[in-house]
Structure formats: structure tokens, C-alpha cells
């Protein structure tokens, strides 16, 4: 065979092979199932509200293809601690089962966005209002100045005293105040005379406020199994923290759903 003809055949063959592989690359199809798997792995490994605040019960809710090779994947999950993102050194994160919804955007099998409860950017760890520079809807909606009630003992005499604190508001200021109360005293507030009768590790299981009645359900750790004075202090801290609000006229305290469990 003529050498030039052979070289020509080889060149044509190489061009055809290269064209085949290029077409294969251009025609890569990304599926919803792949996007869901990538989004789930990212939430479990990278989303700070999930990884840093005891995320669990991650449940797939929906997957939407918003355009070619771009999917919006929605999950529900619970966290063991209130708030969003990495827990700061000065933050007293209270243990409370907190439900969240996270929407993860996956494009060509890469996570390009993730927002929790439509207000927290998991990739930048910033609130949405802060990102948009929305000063009017910033601090006024996200924080509140409230009184949290703790125990003060002076000369052997016990009293319930108020400590004013600026708290993050999630799911209403009344519930947020209880969450902050469970977190205990901050380093600046802690002293020899001020303490909390509420044991560490107590979780807020549910909170309902209807027609002036606040029904608060705590985990079993709130029952110290001690004397009536200790139980009374716990009840006083909770009740006075809640009745500072005009919206609360009565407080019902439950322990694991039982109303009569925490009694003096």
C-alpha cells in the first residue's frame, strides 16, 4: 500500500475516534438520582448547620430540574441545637430539637448553593438578609432583648432574678427565650451568686402557644429527682421567663409529654 495513502487512512481514523470521544463528552447526561446523592453527601459532610449542630433524620423531600444539568434538591432534617452554622466560641447553644429544611442546588454534579429555611446560606455561613444588605429587616427581626430568669443566693436566701440578654429569635420570641434559658449563663453572666437550677442537657421537645397558654415539653433530664425546693426553682425560672411576655398568661410544663411529672 502506498505510504501516503496509509498515513491518510491513519489520520482519518484518528479524527473519527477523537470526534467520537468529544461527542460523548458533550452528551454527558446528569440524572436527578446523581444530583440527590451528591446533595445528600454534601449536607452530611459540609453543611455546618447539620454537621456542627447535631443534624439527624435527613429526609429527601423533592428534586426539581430547574434547567439542563441543574437540580434543586430539598431535604428535611432535625438538629439537636438551636441556631444556624458553626457554633461560636462565645455562643451558648441550647439543646433543643429544631426542624430545618435545606435546599441544595446541584449543577453538573457539583453543589453551587445551599440554603437552610430560606434564610441561612450554608456555603458562606451568612443570613440571607445580611447578604442582601437588608438593614431594615436585619437585627429587628432576628434578635430581641428579653429577660431570662436565674437563681441568686445571697446569705443563704434564694431568689429568682432577671438577666437581660439579646437573643436570636427563631420560631417566635417566647420559644427562643426558653431555648436561651436552657443554654444557661454565659461566661460574662456566670458568677458565684448566680446559677441555674435547670440541669445541663435538657432538650426542648415542643412549644405551643395558643390563646395565652404556653405548653412547653422538656426531655426527662429536666426532672432532677431532688427536693421540692429545686423543682420549684426550675418551674419559677421557666414560668417567669415566659410570663414576661404579654402573649403568655399561663404556662403548662410537660416532661416527655406528662403534665404531672415536674411537681414540687
C-alpha atoms as a PDB file:
ATOM      1  CA  UNK A   1       0.000   0.000   0.000  1.00  0.00           C
ATOM      2  CA  UNK A   2       1.221   3.481  -0.826  1.00  0.00           C
ATOM      3  CA  UNK A   3       2.773   5.137   2.248  1.00  0.00           C
ATOM      4  CA  UNK A   4       0.873   8.388   1.715  1.00  0.00           C
ATOM      5  CA  UNK A   5      -2.421   6.516   1.454  1.00  0.00           C
ATOM      6  CA  UNK A   6      -1.671   4.650   4.702  1.00  0.00           C
ATOM      7  CA  UNK A   7      -0.864   7.901   6.524  1.00  0.00           C
ATOM      8  CA  UNK A   8      -4.091   9.398   5.209  1.00  0.00           C
ATOM      9  CA  UNK A   9      -6.115   6.441   6.489  1.00  0.00           C
ATOM     10  CA  UNK A  10      -4.490   6.742   9.922  1.00  0.00           C
ATOM     11  CA  UNK A  11      -5.244  10.469  10.110  1.00  0.00           C
ATOM     12  CA  UNK A  12      -8.878   9.929   9.137  1.00  0.00           C
ATOM     13  CA  UNK A  13      -9.193   7.183  11.739  1.00  0.00           C
ATOM     14  CA  UNK A  14      -7.736   9.425  14.468  1.00  0.00           C
ATOM     15  CA  UNK A  15     -10.102  12.232  13.541  1.00  0.00           C
ATOM     16  CA  UNK A  16     -13.088   9.878  13.722  1.00  0.00           C
ATOM     17  CA  UNK A  17     -12.011   8.495  17.101  1.00  0.00           C
ATOM     18  CA  UNK A  18     -11.422  11.997  18.511  1.00  0.00           C
ATOM     19  CA  UNK A  19     -14.788  13.129  17.216  1.00  0.00           C
ATOM     20  CA  UNK A  20     -16.480  10.176  18.871  1.00  0.00           C
ATOM     21  CA  UNK A  21     -14.973  10.894  22.283  1.00  0.00           C
ATOM     22  CA  UNK A  22     -15.729  14.627  22.009  1.00  0.00           C
ATOM     23  CA  UNK A  23     -19.355  13.892  21.209  1.00  0.00           C
ATOM     24  CA  UNK A  24     -19.509  11.559  24.194  1.00  0.00           C
ATOM     25  CA  UNK A  25     -18.202  14.332  26.484  1.00  0.00           C
ATOM     26  CA  UNK A  26     -20.683  16.853  25.084  1.00  0.00           C
ATOM     27  CA  UNK A  27     -23.595  14.458  25.543  1.00  0.00           C
ATOM     28  CA  UNK A  28     -22.996  13.654  29.232  1.00  0.00           C
ATOM     29  CA  UNK A  29     -26.379  13.266  30.900  1.00  0.00           C
ATOM     30  CA  UNK A  30     -26.714  14.229  34.560  1.00  0.00           C
ATOM     31  CA  UNK A  31     -29.575  12.488  36.337  1.00  0.00           C
ATOM     32  CA  UNK A  32     -31.773  13.512  39.248  1.00  0.00           C
ATOM     33  CA  UNK A  33     -30.604  10.443  41.184  1.00  0.00           C
ATOM     34  CA  UNK A  34     -26.964  11.536  40.859  1.00  0.00           C
ATOM     35  CA  UNK A  35     -27.865  15.060  41.983  1.00  0.00           C
ATOM     36  CA  UNK A  36     -29.734  13.708  45.028  1.00  0.00           C
ATOM     37  CA  UNK A  37     -26.784  11.552  46.056  1.00  0.00           C
ATOM     38  CA  UNK A  38     -24.313  14.427  45.678  1.00  0.00           C
ATOM     39  CA  UNK A  39     -26.604  16.802  47.582  1.00  0.00           C
ATOM     40  CA  UNK A  40     -27.140  14.321  50.429  1.00  0.00           C
ATOM     41  CA  UNK A  41     -23.411  13.641  50.794  1.00  0.00           C
ATOM     42  CA  UNK A  42     -22.723  17.390  50.818  1.00  0.00           C
ATOM     43  CA  UNK A  43     -25.272  18.068  53.572  1.00  0.00           C
ATOM     44  CA  UNK A  44     -23.943  15.240  55.740  1.00  0.00           C
ATOM     45  CA  UNK A  45     -20.295  16.263  55.291  1.00  0.00           C
ATOM     46  CA  UNK A  46     -20.278  20.022  54.612  1.00  0.00           C
ATOM     47  CA  UNK A  47     -23.439  21.859  55.735  1.00  0.00           C
ATOM     48  CA  UNK A  48     -22.458  23.479  59.083  1.00  0.00           C
ATOM     49  CA  UNK A  49     -25.988  23.589  60.487  1.00  0.00           C
ATOM     50  CA  UNK A  50     -26.143  19.807  60.018  1.00  0.00           C
ATOM     51  CA  UNK A  51     -22.564  18.860  60.898  1.00  0.00           C
ATOM     52  CA  UNK A  52     -21.970  21.314  63.774  1.00  0.00           C
ATOM     53  CA  UNK A  53     -25.395  21.323  65.439  1.00  0.00           C
ATOM     54  CA  UNK A  54     -26.122  17.608  65.691  1.00  0.00           C
ATOM     55  CA  UNK A  55     -28.065  17.114  62.480  1.00  0.00           C
ATOM     56  CA  UNK A  56     -30.008  13.880  62.090  1.00  0.00           C
ATOM     57  CA  UNK A  57     -33.025  12.320  60.363  1.00  0.00           C
ATOM     58  CA  UNK A  58     -32.048  13.731  56.961  1.00  0.00           C
ATOM     59  CA  UNK A  59     -35.013  13.024  54.680  1.00  0.00           C
ATOM     60  CA  UNK A  60     -35.306  13.657  50.943  1.00  0.00           C
ATOM     61  CA  UNK A  61     -38.407  15.736  50.131  1.00  0.00           C
ATOM     62  CA  UNK A  62     -38.216  16.765  46.480  1.00  0.00           C
ATOM     63  CA  UNK A  63     -35.964  17.115  43.442  1.00  0.00           C
ATOM     64  CA  UNK A  64     -36.659  19.679  40.734  1.00  0.00           C
ATOM     65  CA  UNK A  65     -34.740  20.089  37.480  1.00  0.00           C
ATOM     66  CA  UNK A  66     -34.669  23.858  37.061  1.00  0.00           C
ATOM     67  CA  UNK A  67     -32.718  23.708  33.783  1.00  0.00           C
ATOM     68  CA  UNK A  68     -30.423  21.341  31.904  1.00  0.00           C
ATOM     69  CA  UNK A  69     -27.951  19.676  34.279  1.00  0.00           C
ATOM     70  CA  UNK A  70     -29.121  21.834  37.218  1.00  0.00           C
ATOM     71  CA  UNK A  71     -31.239  20.351  40.009  1.00  0.00           C
ATOM     72  CA  UNK A  72     -32.731  21.778  43.184  1.00  0.00           C
ATOM     73  CA  UNK A  73     -32.825  19.086  45.891  1.00  0.00           C
ATOM     74  CA  UNK A  74     -34.835  19.602  49.100  1.00  0.00           C
ATOM     75  CA  UNK A  75     -34.306  17.774  52.404  1.00  0.00           C
ATOM     76  CA  UNK A  76     -35.816  17.997  55.880  1.00  0.00           C
ATOM     77  CA  UNK A  77     -33.720  17.322  58.988  1.00  0.00           C
ATOM     78  CA  UNK A  78     -33.617  17.928  62.720  1.00  0.00           C
ATOM     79  CA  UNK A  79     -30.726  19.379  64.693  1.00  0.00           C
ATOM     80  CA  UNK A  80     -30.023  18.912  68.397  1.00  0.00           C
ATOM     81  CA  UNK A  81     -29.086  22.558  68.939  1.00  0.00           C
ATOM     82  CA  UNK A  82     -30.870  25.775  68.009  1.00  0.00           C
ATOM     83  CA  UNK A  83     -29.450  28.263  65.530  1.00  0.00           C
ATOM     84  CA  UNK A  84     -27.500  28.007  62.296  1.00  0.00           C
ATOM     85  CA  UNK A  85     -23.953  27.305  61.159  1.00  0.00           C
ATOM     86  CA  UNK A  86     -20.835  26.680  63.184  1.00  0.00           C
ATOM     87  CA  UNK A  87     -21.241  27.082  66.948  1.00  0.00           C
ATOM     88  CA  UNK A  88     -19.189  30.118  68.003  1.00  0.00           C
ATOM     89  CA  UNK A  89     -16.816  30.086  70.973  1.00  0.00           C
ATOM     90  CA  UNK A  90     -18.946  32.640  72.845  1.00  0.00           C
ATOM     91  CA  UNK A  91     -22.283  31.109  71.867  1.00  0.00           C
ATOM     92  CA  UNK A  92     -24.354  29.257  74.437  1.00  0.00           C
ATOM     93  CA  UNK A  93     -26.161  26.903  72.055  1.00  0.00           C
ATOM     94  CA  UNK A  94     -29.121  25.357  73.830  1.00  0.00           C
ATOM     95  CA  UNK A  95     -30.072  21.744  73.280  1.00  0.00           C
ATOM     96  CA  UNK A  96     -33.455  21.803  71.568  1.00  0.00           C
ATOM     97  CA  UNK A  97     -34.719  19.611  68.743  1.00  0.00           C
ATOM     98  CA  UNK A  98     -35.004  22.088  65.860  1.00  0.00           C
ATOM     99  CA  UNK A  99     -36.600  21.195  62.483  1.00  0.00           C
ATOM    100  CA  UNK A 100     -34.997  22.566  59.309  1.00  0.00           C
ATOM    101  CA  UNK A 101     -35.499  22.460  55.558  1.00  0.00           C
ATOM    102  CA  UNK A 102     -32.432  22.753  53.320  1.00  0.00           C
ATOM    103  CA  UNK A 103     -32.464  23.317  49.558  1.00  0.00           C
ATOM    104  CA  UNK A 104     -29.280  22.292  47.725  1.00  0.00           C
ATOM    105  CA  UNK A 105     -28.629  23.321  44.119  1.00  0.00           C
ATOM    106  CA  UNK A 106     -26.511  20.891  42.110  1.00  0.00           C
ATOM    107  CA  UNK A 107     -25.179  21.800  38.661  1.00  0.00           C
ATOM    108  CA  UNK A 108     -23.261  19.267  36.559  1.00  0.00           C
ATOM    109  CA  UNK A 109     -22.775  17.144  39.682  1.00  0.00           C
ATOM    110  CA  UNK A 110     -21.353  19.995  41.774  1.00  0.00           C
ATOM    111  CA  UNK A 111     -23.034  21.813  44.661  1.00  0.00           C
ATOM    112  CA  UNK A 112     -23.302  25.515  43.812  1.00  0.00           C
ATOM    113  CA  UNK A 113     -25.752  26.655  46.500  1.00  0.00           C
ATOM    114  CA  UNK A 114     -27.369  25.567  49.772  1.00  0.00           C
ATOM    115  CA  UNK A 115     -29.885  27.491  51.876  1.00  0.00           C
ATOM    116  CA  UNK A 116     -31.497  26.378  55.142  1.00  0.00           C
ATOM    117  CA  UNK A 117     -35.016  27.592  55.985  1.00  0.00           C
ATOM    118  CA  UNK A 118     -34.608  30.132  53.157  1.00  0.00           C
ATOM    119  CA  UNK A 119     -32.642  32.418  55.481  1.00  0.00           C
ATOM    120  CA  UNK A 120     -29.192  30.869  56.014  1.00  0.00           C
ATOM    121  CA  UNK A 121     -26.542  30.340  53.337  1.00  0.00           C
ATOM    122  CA  UNK A 122     -24.724  27.142  54.303  1.00  0.00           C
ATOM    123  CA  UNK A 123     -21.829  27.824  51.916  1.00  0.00           C
ATOM    124  CA  UNK A 124     -20.986  31.326  53.180  1.00  0.00           C
ATOM    125  CA  UNK A 125     -22.448  30.912  56.710  1.00  0.00           C
ATOM    126  CA  UNK A 126     -24.364  34.174  56.404  1.00  0.00           C
ATOM    127  CA  UNK A 127     -28.000  35.079  56.944  1.00  0.00           C
ATOM    128  CA  UNK A 128     -29.785  35.990  53.739  1.00  0.00           C
ATOM    129  CA  UNK A 129     -30.728  39.473  54.975  1.00  0.00           C
ATOM    130  CA  UNK A 130     -27.070  40.163  55.802  1.00  0.00           C
ATOM    131  CA  UNK A 131     -26.020  39.069  52.325  1.00  0.00           C
ATOM    132  CA  UNK A 132     -28.543  41.398  50.699  1.00  0.00           C
ATOM    133  CA  UNK A 133     -27.649  44.295  52.965  1.00  0.00           C
ATOM    134  CA  UNK A 134     -31.226  44.498  54.185  1.00  0.00           C
ATOM    135  CA  UNK A 135     -30.707  46.633  57.287  1.00  0.00           C
ATOM    136  CA  UNK A 136     -34.404  47.266  57.809  1.00  0.00           C
ATOM    137  CA  UNK A 137     -35.161  43.556  58.196  1.00  0.00           C
ATOM    138  CA  UNK A 138     -31.904  42.664  59.946  1.00  0.00           C
ATOM    139  CA  UNK A 139     -31.485  42.924  63.694  1.00  0.00           C
ATOM    140  CA  UNK A 140     -35.108  43.916  64.414  1.00  0.00           C
ATOM    141  CA  UNK A 141     -36.442  40.615  63.078  1.00  0.00           C
ATOM    142  CA  UNK A 142     -33.576  38.319  64.035  1.00  0.00           C
ATOM    143  CA  UNK A 143     -32.830  39.357  67.622  1.00  0.00           C
ATOM    144  CA  UNK A 144     -34.734  40.578  70.671  1.00  0.00           C
ATOM    145  CA  UNK A 145     -33.944  41.923  74.117  1.00  0.00           C
ATOM    146  CA  UNK A 146     -35.520  39.660  76.756  1.00  0.00           C
ATOM    147  CA  UNK A 147     -35.212  38.825  80.439  1.00  0.00           C
ATOM    148  CA  UNK A 148     -34.009  35.335  81.367  1.00  0.00           C
ATOM    149  CA  UNK A 149     -34.621  34.261  84.941  1.00  0.00           C
ATOM    150  CA  UNK A 150     -31.958  32.549  87.038  1.00  0.00           C
ATOM    151  CA  UNK A 151     -31.343  31.737  90.699  1.00  0.00           C
ATOM    152  CA  UNK A 152     -29.479  34.109  93.013  1.00  0.00           C
ATOM    153  CA  UNK A 153     -28.421  33.036  96.525  1.00  0.00           C
ATOM    154  CA  UNK A 154     -27.300  35.722  98.946  1.00  0.00           C
ATOM    155  CA  UNK A 155     -26.732  34.872 102.604  1.00  0.00           C
ATOM    156  CA  UNK A 156     -28.401  31.519 102.127  1.00  0.00           C
ATOM    157  CA  UNK A 157     -31.564  33.135 100.785  1.00  0.00           C
ATOM    158  CA  UNK A 158     -32.650  32.093  97.279  1.00  0.00           C
ATOM    159  CA  UNK A 159     -34.337  34.453  94.839  1.00  0.00           C
ATOM    160  CA  UNK A 160     -35.257  34.385  91.144  1.00  0.00           C
ATOM    161  CA  UNK A 161     -33.641  37.286  89.316  1.00  0.00           C
ATOM    162  CA  UNK A 162     -33.778  38.563  85.746  1.00  0.00           C
ATOM    163  CA  UNK A 163     -30.778  38.875  83.467  1.00  0.00           C
ATOM    164  CA  UNK A 164     -31.377  40.888  80.322  1.00  0.00           C
ATOM    165  CA  UNK A 165     -29.911  39.435  77.162  1.00  0.00           C
ATOM    166  CA  UNK A 166     -30.073  39.986  73.404  1.00  0.00           C
ATOM    167  CA  UNK A 167     -31.109  36.654  71.906  1.00  0.00           C
ATOM    168  CA  UNK A 168     -31.543  35.216  68.429  1.00  0.00           C
ATOM    169  CA  UNK A 169     -35.216  34.838  67.535  1.00  0.00           C
ATOM    170  CA  UNK A 170     -36.192  31.586  65.818  1.00  0.00           C
ATOM    171  CA  UNK A 171     -39.791  30.321  65.827  1.00  0.00           C
ATOM    172  CA  UNK A 172     -41.046  33.202  67.967  1.00  0.00           C
ATOM    173  CA  UNK A 173     -39.544  35.232  70.792  1.00  0.00           C
ATOM    174  CA  UNK A 174     -41.275  33.210  73.534  1.00  0.00           C
ATOM    175  CA  UNK A 175     -39.851  29.870  72.395  1.00  0.00           C
ATOM    176  CA  UNK A 176     -36.469  31.475  71.689  1.00  0.00           C
ATOM    177  CA  UNK A 177     -36.339  32.792  75.260  1.00  0.00           C
ATOM    178  CA  UNK A 178     -36.827  29.265  76.618  1.00  0.00           C
ATOM    179  CA  UNK A 179     -34.124  27.967  74.289  1.00  0.00           C
ATOM    180  CA  UNK A 180     -31.757  30.643  75.609  1.00  0.00           C
ATOM    181  CA  UNK A 181     -32.715  29.812  79.207  1.00  0.00           C
ATOM    182  CA  UNK A 182     -31.832  26.148  78.677  1.00  0.00           C
ATOM    183  CA  UNK A 183     -28.419  27.258  77.413  1.00  0.00           C
ATOM    184  CA  UNK A 184     -27.612  28.599  80.875  1.00  0.00           C
ATOM    185  CA  UNK A 185     -25.431  31.535  81.808  1.00  0.00           C
ATOM    186  CA  UNK A 186     -22.791  32.989  79.521  1.00  0.00           C
ATOM    187  CA  UNK A 187     -19.214  33.451  80.748  1.00  0.00           C
ATOM    188  CA  UNK A 188     -19.892  37.147  81.372  1.00  0.00           C
ATOM    189  CA  UNK A 189     -23.033  36.390  83.407  1.00  0.00           C
ATOM    190  CA  UNK A 190     -21.736  33.451  85.407  1.00  0.00           C
ATOM    191  CA  UNK A 191     -20.816  34.195  88.991  1.00  0.00           C
ATOM    192  CA  UNK A 192     -20.702  32.645  92.431  1.00  0.00           C
ATOM    193  CA  UNK A 193     -24.105  34.040  93.396  1.00  0.00           C
ATOM    194  CA  UNK A 194     -25.992  33.414  90.126  1.00  0.00           C
ATOM    195  CA  UNK A 195     -26.786  29.943  88.815  1.00  0.00           C
ATOM    196  CA  UNK A 196     -29.470  27.913  87.063  1.00  0.00           C
ATOM    197  CA  UNK A 197     -31.483  25.150  88.690  1.00  0.00           C
ATOM    198  CA  UNK A 198     -32.208  23.672  85.256  1.00  0.00           C
ATOM    199  CA  UNK A 199     -29.833  20.703  84.704  1.00  0.00           C
ATOM    200  CA  UNK A 200     -27.493  20.647  81.717  1.00  0.00           C
ATOM    201  CA  UNK A 201     -28.528  18.617  78.699  1.00  0.00           C
ATOM    202  CA  UNK A 202     -32.249  19.393  78.854  1.00  0.00           C
ATOM    203  CA  UNK A 203     -33.882  19.461  75.421  1.00  0.00           C
ATOM    204  CA  UNK A 204     -36.980  21.393  74.401  1.00  0.00           C
ATOM    205  CA  UNK A 205     -39.166  18.787  72.712  1.00  0.00           C
ATOM    206  CA  UNK A 206     -42.036  21.061  71.711  1.00  0.00           C
ATOM    207  CA  UNK A 207     -43.510  24.504  72.312  1.00  0.00           C
ATOM    208  CA  UNK A 208     -47.082  25.621  71.713  1.00  0.00           C
ATOM    209  CA  UNK A 209     -48.689  28.988  72.407  1.00  0.00           C
ATOM    210  CA  UNK A 210     -52.429  29.222  71.995  1.00  0.00           C
ATOM    211  CA  UNK A 211     -54.886  31.736  73.485  1.00  0.00           C
ATOM    212  CA  UNK A 212     -52.381  32.861  76.103  1.00  0.00           C
ATOM    213  CA  UNK A 213     -51.439  29.347  77.244  1.00  0.00           C
ATOM    214  CA  UNK A 214     -47.823  28.279  76.636  1.00  0.00           C
ATOM    215  CA  UNK A 215     -47.373  24.492  76.716  1.00  0.00           C
ATOM    216  CA  UNK A 216     -43.705  23.545  76.994  1.00  0.00           C
ATOM    217  CA  UNK A 217     -42.499  19.943  76.760  1.00  0.00           C
ATOM    218  CA  UNK A 218     -38.998  19.083  78.007  1.00  0.00           C
ATOM    219  CA  UNK A 219     -36.854  15.971  77.914  1.00  0.00           C
ATOM    220  CA  UNK A 220     -36.578  13.808  81.036  1.00  0.00           C
ATOM    221  CA  UNK A 221     -33.293  15.453  82.090  1.00  0.00           C
ATOM    222  CA  UNK A 222     -35.224  18.435  83.467  1.00  0.00           C
ATOM    223  CA  UNK A 223     -36.535  16.354  86.386  1.00  0.00           C
ATOM    224  CA  UNK A 224     -33.656  16.426  88.918  1.00  0.00           C
ATOM    225  CA  UNK A 225     -35.201  13.851  91.210  1.00  0.00           C
ATOM    226  CA  UNK A 226     -34.312  16.114  94.122  1.00  0.00           C
ATOM    227  CA  UNK A 227     -36.250  18.070  96.708  1.00  0.00           C
ATOM    228  CA  UNK A 228     -39.268  20.290  96.222  1.00  0.00           C
ATOM    229  CA  UNK A 229     -37.202  23.492  96.516  1.00  0.00           C
ATOM    230  CA  UNK A 230     -35.109  22.533  93.478  1.00  0.00           C
ATOM    231  CA  UNK A 231     -38.194  21.678  91.408  1.00  0.00           C
ATOM    232  CA  UNK A 232     -39.860  24.928  92.455  1.00  0.00           C
ATOM    233  CA  UNK A 233     -36.804  26.911  91.291  1.00  0.00           C
ATOM    234  CA  UNK A 234     -36.910  25.176  87.910  1.00  0.00           C
ATOM    235  CA  UNK A 235     -40.600  25.954  87.480  1.00  0.00           C
ATOM    236  CA  UNK A 236     -40.089  29.566  88.587  1.00  0.00           C
ATOM    237  CA  UNK A 237     -37.294  30.107  86.059  1.00  0.00           C
ATOM    238  CA  UNK A 238     -39.441  28.799  83.210  1.00  0.00           C
ATOM    239  CA  UNK A 239     -42.687  30.472  84.219  1.00  0.00           C
ATOM    240  CA  UNK A 240     -41.198  33.914  84.906  1.00  0.00           C
ATOM    241  CA  UNK A 241     -39.203  33.833  81.664  1.00  0.00           C
ATOM    242  CA  UNK A 242     -42.419  33.179  79.717  1.00  0.00           C
ATOM    243  CA  UNK A 243     -44.910  35.368  81.606  1.00  0.00           C
ATOM    244  CA  UNK A 244     -42.813  38.477  80.938  1.00  0.00           C
ATOM    245  CA  UNK A 245     -44.477  38.432  77.510  1.00  0.00           C
ATOM    246  CA  UNK A 246     -47.964  39.882  77.137  1.00  0.00           C
ATOM    247  CA  UNK A 247     -48.824  36.908  74.920  1.00  0.00           C
ATOM    248  CA  UNK A 248     -48.441  34.432  77.815  1.00  0.00           C
ATOM    249  CA  UNK A 249     -50.966  34.251  80.660  1.00  0.00           C
ATOM    250  CA  UNK A 250     -50.443  30.644  81.749  1.00  0.00           C
ATOM    251  CA  UNK A 251     -47.619  28.103  81.495  1.00  0.00           C
ATOM    252  CA  UNK A 252     -48.070  24.328  81.335  1.00  0.00           C
ATOM    253  CA  UNK A 253     -44.848  22.360  81.861  1.00  0.00           C
ATOM    254  CA  UNK A 254     -44.625  18.837  80.464  1.00  0.00           C
ATOM    255  CA  UNK A 255     -41.857  16.247  80.811  1.00  0.00           C
ATOM    256  CA  UNK A 256     -41.817  13.788  77.924  1.00  0.00           C
ATOM    257  CA  UNK A 257     -45.499  14.641  77.385  1.00  0.00           C
ATOM    258  CA  UNK A 258     -46.502  14.114  81.041  1.00  0.00           C
ATOM    259  CA  UNK A 259     -48.019  17.114  82.814  1.00  0.00           C
ATOM    260  CA  UNK A 260     -47.656  15.922  86.405  1.00  0.00           C
ATOM    261  CA  UNK A 261     -44.023  14.813  86.173  1.00  0.00           C
ATOM    262  CA  UNK A 262     -42.282  18.008  87.385  1.00  0.00           C
ATOM    263  CA  UNK A 263     -44.080  18.703  90.642  1.00  0.00           C
ATOM    264  CA  UNK A 264     -42.671  20.006  93.960  1.00  0.00           C
END
